[in-house]
């Protein structure tokens, strides 16, 4: 049996009033593209998209500024907040 620390994931926090999600010490702006589809921006630069489909958030990175997993957590927080 391996003794390893438990994996923890920082909680992404959505702010619908400011249209932002804070995650990993960074604040991402969320810009609507269409129904359940958003562009994620970091410092005004698009870093990916989040899409809600088939009951789950999906992240699509544009470049290597943010990972698909990070976009998943950003999307999860955003879609939970907007209902």
N, C-alpha and C. Protein backbone atom coordinates (compact mmCIF):
# COMPACT_ATOMS: atom_id res chain seq x y z
N UNK A 1 0.84 -1.18 0.00
CA UNK A 1 0.00 0.00 0.00
C UNK A 1 0.88 1.23 0.00
N UNK A 2 0.56 2.17 -0.86
CA UNK A 2 1.33 3.40 -0.95
C UNK A 2 0.81 4.44 0.02
N UNK A 3 1.73 5.13 0.66
CA UNK A 3 1.35 6.24 1.52
C UNK A 3 1.60 7.52 0.76
N UNK A 4 0.54 8.15 0.34
CA UNK A 4 0.64 9.39 -0.42
C UNK A 4 -0.39 10.37 0.12
N UNK A 5 -0.07 11.65 0.03
CA UNK A 5 -1.06 12.61 0.49
C UNK A 5 -2.29 12.59 -0.41
N UNK A 6 -3.41 12.93 0.17
CA UNK A 6 -4.65 12.97 -0.60
C UNK A 6 -4.57 14.07 -1.65
N UNK A 7 -5.12 13.78 -2.81
CA UNK A 7 -5.15 14.79 -3.86
C UNK A 7 -6.22 15.82 -3.51
N UNK A 8 -5.87 17.07 -3.65
CA UNK A 8 -6.85 18.12 -3.42
C UNK A 8 -6.91 19.02 -4.64
N UNK A 9 -8.06 19.56 -4.86
CA UNK A 9 -8.25 20.47 -5.98
C UNK A 9 -8.80 21.77 -5.42
N UNK A 10 -8.18 22.86 -5.80
CA UNK A 10 -8.66 24.16 -5.36
C UNK A 10 -10.06 24.38 -5.90
N UNK A 11 -10.88 25.02 -5.11
CA UNK A 11 -12.26 25.31 -5.51
C UNK A 11 -12.28 26.52 -6.43
N UNK A 12 -12.88 26.38 -7.59
CA UNK A 12 -13.10 27.51 -8.49
C UNK A 12 -14.32 28.28 -7.99
N UNK A 13 -14.22 29.61 -8.01
CA UNK A 13 -15.29 30.45 -7.48
C UNK A 13 -15.79 31.37 -8.59
N UNK A 14 -17.08 31.26 -8.91
CA UNK A 14 -17.69 32.09 -9.95
C UNK A 14 -18.32 33.34 -9.35
N UNK A 15 -18.20 34.44 -10.08
CA UNK A 15 -18.84 35.70 -9.72
C UNK A 15 -19.66 36.13 -10.95
N UNK A 16 -20.96 35.86 -10.92
CA UNK A 16 -21.78 36.14 -12.10
C UNK A 16 -21.97 37.63 -12.32
N UNK A 17 -21.93 38.43 -11.27
CA UNK A 17 -22.09 39.88 -11.42
C UNK A 17 -20.94 40.48 -12.22
N UNK A 18 -19.71 40.02 -11.93
CA UNK A 18 -18.53 40.52 -12.64
C UNK A 18 -18.17 39.66 -13.85
N UNK A 19 -18.89 38.54 -14.03
CA UNK A 19 -18.62 37.59 -15.12
C UNK A 19 -17.18 37.09 -15.08
N UNK A 20 -16.81 36.59 -13.89
CA UNK A 20 -15.46 36.07 -13.69
C UNK A 20 -15.52 34.74 -12.93
N UNK A 21 -14.43 33.97 -13.07
CA UNK A 21 -14.19 32.80 -12.24
C UNK A 21 -12.75 32.89 -11.75
N UNK A 22 -12.58 32.73 -10.44
CA UNK A 22 -11.24 32.73 -9.86
C UNK A 22 -10.85 31.29 -9.59
N UNK A 23 -9.68 30.92 -10.09
CA UNK A 23 -9.19 29.54 -9.92
C UNK A 23 -7.67 29.54 -10.06
N UNK A 24 -7.02 28.83 -9.18
CA UNK A 24 -5.57 28.70 -9.25
C UNK A 24 -4.84 30.03 -9.07
N UNK A 25 -5.42 30.93 -8.29
CA UNK A 25 -4.80 32.22 -8.05
C UNK A 25 -4.95 33.21 -9.21
N UNK A 26 -5.76 32.86 -10.21
CA UNK A 26 -5.98 33.73 -11.37
C UNK A 26 -7.47 34.00 -11.52
N UNK A 27 -7.77 35.16 -12.06
CA UNK A 27 -9.16 35.51 -12.32
C UNK A 27 -9.39 35.52 -13.83
N UNK A 28 -10.33 34.71 -14.25
CA UNK A 28 -10.67 34.55 -15.66
C UNK A 28 -11.97 35.28 -15.95
N UNK A 29 -12.02 36.04 -17.03
CA UNK A 29 -13.25 36.67 -17.47
C UNK A 29 -14.01 35.68 -18.35
N UNK A 30 -15.33 35.69 -18.22
CA UNK A 30 -16.19 34.78 -18.98
C UNK A 30 -17.04 35.62 -19.92
N UNK A 31 -16.98 35.32 -21.20
CA UNK A 31 -17.72 36.08 -22.22
C UNK A 31 -18.62 35.13 -23.00
N UNK A 32 -19.90 35.45 -23.04
CA UNK A 32 -20.88 34.58 -23.71
C UNK A 32 -20.64 34.53 -25.21
N UNK A 33 -20.75 33.32 -25.76
CA UNK A 33 -20.71 33.11 -27.21
C UNK A 33 -22.09 32.75 -27.73
N UNK A 34 -22.83 32.03 -26.94
CA UNK A 34 -24.16 31.56 -27.33
C UNK A 34 -24.74 30.79 -26.16
N UNK A 35 -25.82 30.06 -26.41
CA UNK A 35 -26.42 29.26 -25.35
C UNK A 35 -25.42 28.22 -24.83
N UNK A 36 -25.10 28.32 -23.55
CA UNK A 36 -24.22 27.35 -22.88
C UNK A 36 -22.82 27.26 -23.49
N UNK A 37 -22.35 28.35 -24.08
CA UNK A 37 -21.02 28.37 -24.70
C UNK A 37 -20.36 29.72 -24.39
N UNK A 38 -19.15 29.67 -23.83
CA UNK A 38 -18.47 30.87 -23.37
C UNK A 38 -17.00 30.84 -23.74
N UNK A 39 -16.44 32.03 -23.96
CA UNK A 39 -15.00 32.19 -24.11
C UNK A 39 -14.43 32.52 -22.74
N UNK A 40 -13.28 31.93 -22.42
CA UNK A 40 -12.58 32.20 -21.16
C UNK A 40 -11.36 33.05 -21.50
N UNK A 41 -11.26 34.21 -20.85
CA UNK A 41 -10.16 35.14 -21.11
C UNK A 41 -9.30 35.32 -19.86
N UNK A 42 -8.01 35.44 -20.05
CA UNK A 42 -7.08 35.75 -18.97
C UNK A 42 -6.33 37.00 -19.39
N UNK A 43 -6.51 38.07 -18.62
CA UNK A 43 -5.91 39.37 -18.93
C UNK A 43 -6.30 39.84 -20.33
N UNK A 44 -7.56 39.57 -20.70
CA UNK A 44 -8.08 40.02 -21.98
C UNK A 44 -7.74 39.14 -23.18
N UNK A 45 -6.99 38.07 -22.95
CA UNK A 45 -6.58 37.17 -24.03
C UNK A 45 -7.37 35.86 -23.92
N UNK A 46 -8.03 35.44 -25.01
CA UNK A 46 -8.76 34.17 -24.98
C UNK A 46 -7.82 32.98 -24.74
N UNK A 47 -8.15 32.18 -23.73
CA UNK A 47 -7.32 31.01 -23.42
C UNK A 47 -8.08 29.70 -23.62
N UNK A 48 -9.39 29.80 -23.86
CA UNK A 48 -10.17 28.59 -24.08
C UNK A 48 -11.65 28.88 -24.11
N UNK A 49 -12.41 27.80 -24.24
CA UNK A 49 -13.86 27.87 -24.26
C UNK A 49 -14.41 26.86 -23.29
N UNK A 50 -15.57 27.21 -22.72
CA UNK A 50 -16.30 26.25 -21.90
C UNK A 50 -17.68 26.08 -22.52
N UNK A 51 -18.12 24.84 -22.58
CA UNK A 51 -19.39 24.50 -23.20
C UNK A 51 -20.11 23.52 -22.28
N UNK A 52 -21.39 23.74 -22.08
CA UNK A 52 -22.19 22.80 -21.30
C UNK A 52 -22.96 21.92 -22.26
N UNK A 53 -22.63 20.64 -22.28
CA UNK A 53 -23.32 19.72 -23.19
C UNK A 53 -23.49 18.36 -22.52
N UNK A 54 -24.61 17.75 -22.80
CA UNK A 54 -24.95 16.44 -22.25
C UNK A 54 -24.83 16.39 -20.73
N UNK A 55 -25.19 17.50 -20.07
CA UNK A 55 -25.23 17.55 -18.62
C UNK A 55 -23.90 17.76 -17.93
N UNK A 56 -22.87 18.16 -18.67
CA UNK A 56 -21.55 18.33 -18.05
C UNK A 56 -20.79 19.48 -18.71
N UNK A 57 -19.95 20.16 -17.92
CA UNK A 57 -19.10 21.20 -18.51
C UNK A 57 -17.94 20.57 -19.27
N UNK A 58 -17.57 21.18 -20.37
CA UNK A 58 -16.43 20.71 -21.16
C UNK A 58 -15.54 21.91 -21.45
N UNK A 59 -14.23 21.71 -21.31
CA UNK A 59 -13.28 22.77 -21.57
C UNK A 59 -12.45 22.49 -22.81
N UNK A 60 -12.25 23.51 -23.62
CA UNK A 60 -11.45 23.38 -24.83
C UNK A 60 -10.37 24.46 -24.79
N UNK A 61 -9.12 24.08 -24.49
CA UNK A 61 -8.06 25.09 -24.42
C UNK A 61 -7.67 25.62 -25.80
N UNK A 62 -7.25 26.87 -25.82
CA UNK A 62 -6.69 27.48 -27.02
C UNK A 62 -5.24 27.83 -26.67
N UNK A 63 -4.32 26.98 -27.06
CA UNK A 63 -2.92 27.17 -26.67
C UNK A 63 -2.63 26.44 -25.39
N UNK A 64 -1.56 26.85 -24.71
CA UNK A 64 -1.15 26.13 -23.50
C UNK A 64 -1.20 26.99 -22.25
N UNK A 65 -1.96 28.08 -22.27
CA UNK A 65 -2.07 28.97 -21.10
C UNK A 65 -2.88 28.35 -19.98
N UNK A 66 -3.78 27.44 -20.32
CA UNK A 66 -4.63 26.79 -19.32
C UNK A 66 -4.91 25.36 -19.82
N UNK A 67 -5.03 24.44 -18.87
CA UNK A 67 -5.24 23.04 -19.24
C UNK A 67 -6.73 22.74 -19.42
N UNK A 68 -7.01 21.63 -20.06
CA UNK A 68 -8.39 21.17 -20.22
C UNK A 68 -9.02 20.89 -18.86
N UNK A 69 -8.24 20.33 -17.92
CA UNK A 69 -8.75 20.07 -16.58
C UNK A 69 -9.12 21.36 -15.87
N UNK A 70 -8.25 22.38 -15.97
CA UNK A 70 -8.56 23.66 -15.34
C UNK A 70 -9.82 24.27 -15.93
N UNK A 71 -9.97 24.17 -17.24
CA UNK A 71 -11.18 24.70 -17.88
C UNK A 71 -12.42 23.93 -17.42
N UNK A 72 -12.27 22.65 -17.15
CA UNK A 72 -13.39 21.88 -16.62
C UNK A 72 -13.85 22.47 -15.29
N UNK A 73 -12.90 22.75 -14.38
CA UNK A 73 -13.25 23.29 -13.06
C UNK A 73 -13.81 24.70 -13.18
N UNK A 74 -13.27 25.50 -14.09
CA UNK A 74 -13.79 26.84 -14.35
C UNK A 74 -15.22 26.72 -14.87
N UNK A 75 -15.44 25.84 -15.83
CA UNK A 75 -16.77 25.62 -16.40
C UNK A 75 -17.75 25.10 -15.37
N UNK A 76 -17.31 24.17 -14.55
CA UNK A 76 -18.19 23.62 -13.51
C UNK A 76 -18.67 24.72 -12.58
N UNK A 77 -17.76 25.58 -12.13
CA UNK A 77 -18.13 26.68 -11.23
C UNK A 77 -19.08 27.64 -11.93
N UNK A 78 -18.76 27.98 -13.19
CA UNK A 78 -19.58 28.94 -13.92
C UNK A 78 -21.00 28.41 -14.15
N UNK A 79 -21.11 27.20 -14.68
CA UNK A 79 -22.43 26.66 -15.00
C UNK A 79 -23.26 26.38 -13.75
N UNK A 80 -22.61 26.02 -12.64
CA UNK A 80 -23.35 25.86 -11.37
C UNK A 80 -23.89 27.21 -10.90
N UNK A 81 -23.11 28.26 -11.11
CA UNK A 81 -23.52 29.60 -10.65
C UNK A 81 -24.66 30.18 -11.49
N UNK A 82 -24.62 29.96 -12.79
CA UNK A 82 -25.64 30.54 -13.65
C UNK A 82 -26.88 29.67 -13.78
N UNK A 83 -26.76 28.44 -13.27
CA UNK A 83 -27.92 27.54 -13.26
C UNK A 83 -28.21 26.99 -14.57
